[in-house]
Amino acid sequence: MIEYLIIAVLVVWSAIVVFKKVFPKSANSVFASFSDFCERQGWHTLAKWLKPKMSVGCAGGCGCSSDDKPIVKNAEVKPVKWH
């Protein structure tokens, strides 16, 4: 019986991780709603734990950084010279 409980916890945890990776905006909305509900019930520690972390940068998952410095890419490919 304990094995089923462990497997169920692992499956739920994996589903939550995948949900957060695949649908980040929806996951933030859902976890913010759960956090607000827990805060209204008086469960402050759980509410703080469920509250989504604030993103830095554009928060779109596009890979842009939070600073406005342009990234210099060296397009020149140099051959290796063996001596």
Protein backbone atom coordinates (compact mmCIF):
# COMPACT_ATOMS: atom_id res chain seq x y z
CA MET A 1 0.00 0.00 0.00
CA ILE A 2 2.87 2.38 0.80
CA GLU A 3 4.32 1.73 -2.66
CA TYR A 4 1.14 3.02 -4.30
CA LEU A 5 1.29 6.18 -2.22
CA ILE A 6 4.91 6.80 -3.18
CA ILE A 7 4.18 6.22 -6.86
CA ALA A 8 1.13 8.51 -6.71
CA VAL A 9 3.18 11.31 -5.12
CA LEU A 10 5.90 10.93 -7.76
CA VAL A 11 3.37 10.98 -10.62
CA VAL A 12 1.62 14.09 -9.25
CA TRP A 13 4.94 15.85 -8.68
CA SER A 14 6.09 14.99 -12.23
CA ALA A 15 2.81 16.24 -13.69
CA ILE A 16 3.20 19.55 -11.83
CA VAL A 17 6.78 19.98 -13.09
CA VAL A 18 5.73 19.28 -16.68
CA PHE A 19 2.74 21.64 -16.36
CA LYS A 20 5.05 24.42 -15.16
CA LYS A 21 7.51 23.82 -18.02
CA VAL A 22 4.99 23.46 -20.85
CA PHE A 23 2.44 26.09 -19.77
CA PRO A 24 4.36 28.68 -17.68
CA LYS A 25 1.76 31.47 -17.88
CA SER A 26 -1.16 29.17 -17.06
CA ALA A 27 0.83 27.57 -14.24
CA ASN A 28 1.62 30.98 -12.75
CA SER A 29 -2.07 31.89 -12.91
CA VAL A 30 -3.17 28.63 -11.30
CA PHE A 31 -0.57 28.78 -8.53
CA ALA A 32 -1.38 32.45 -7.87
CA SER A 33 -5.06 31.49 -7.47
CA PHE A 34 -4.15 28.66 -5.08
CA SER A 35 -1.90 31.03 -3.15
CA ASP A 36 -4.69 33.61 -2.81
CA PHE A 37 -7.13 30.92 -1.63
CA CYS A 38 -4.65 29.66 0.99
CA GLU A 39 -4.01 33.23 2.15
CA ARG A 40 -7.77 33.79 2.65
CA GLN A 41 -7.99 30.55 4.65
CA GLY A 42 -5.17 31.68 6.92
CA TRP A 43 -2.59 29.20 5.66
CA HIS A 44 0.19 31.77 5.24
CA THR A 45 3.13 29.36 4.98
CA LEU A 46 1.43 27.30 2.26
CA ALA A 47 0.37 30.47 0.45
CA LYS A 48 3.96 31.74 0.45
CA TRP A 49 5.21 28.38 -0.81
CA LEU A 50 2.63 28.26 -3.66
CA LYS A 51 3.10 31.88 -4.76
CA PRO A 52 4.85 31.94 -8.16
CA LYS A 53 8.31 33.47 -8.29
CA MET A 54 8.60 36.78 -10.09
CA SER A 55 10.49 36.48 -13.37
CA VAL A 56 13.32 38.73 -14.43
CA GLY A 57 13.42 40.07 -17.96
CA CYS A 58 10.65 39.69 -20.48
CA ALA A 59 9.26 36.57 -18.72
CA GLY A 60 8.16 35.13 -22.02
CA GLY A 61 10.61 32.28 -22.00
CA CYS A 62 12.24 33.66 -25.14
CA GLY A 63 15.76 33.59 -23.73
CA CYS A 64 16.27 37.33 -23.51
CA SER A 65 18.24 38.60 -20.55
CA SER A 66 17.20 41.17 -17.99
CA ASP A 67 19.93 43.63 -18.92
CA ASP A 68 19.78 45.74 -22.07
CA LYS A 69 23.36 45.13 -23.16
CA PRO A 70 23.60 43.80 -26.70
CA ILE A 71 25.24 40.44 -27.04
CA VAL A 72 28.17 40.51 -29.42
CA LYS A 73 28.42 37.34 -31.45
CA ASN A 74 31.58 36.56 -33.33
CA ALA A 75 30.39 35.26 -36.70
CA GLU A 76 33.91 34.72 -38.04
CA VAL A 77 35.05 31.12 -37.95
CA LYS A 78 38.82 30.75 -37.72
CA PRO A 79 40.51 27.58 -38.93
CA VAL A 80 42.81 25.65 -36.61
CA LYS A 81 46.44 25.91 -37.66
CA TRP A 82 48.67 23.00 -36.72
CA HIS A 83 52.40 23.78 -36.57
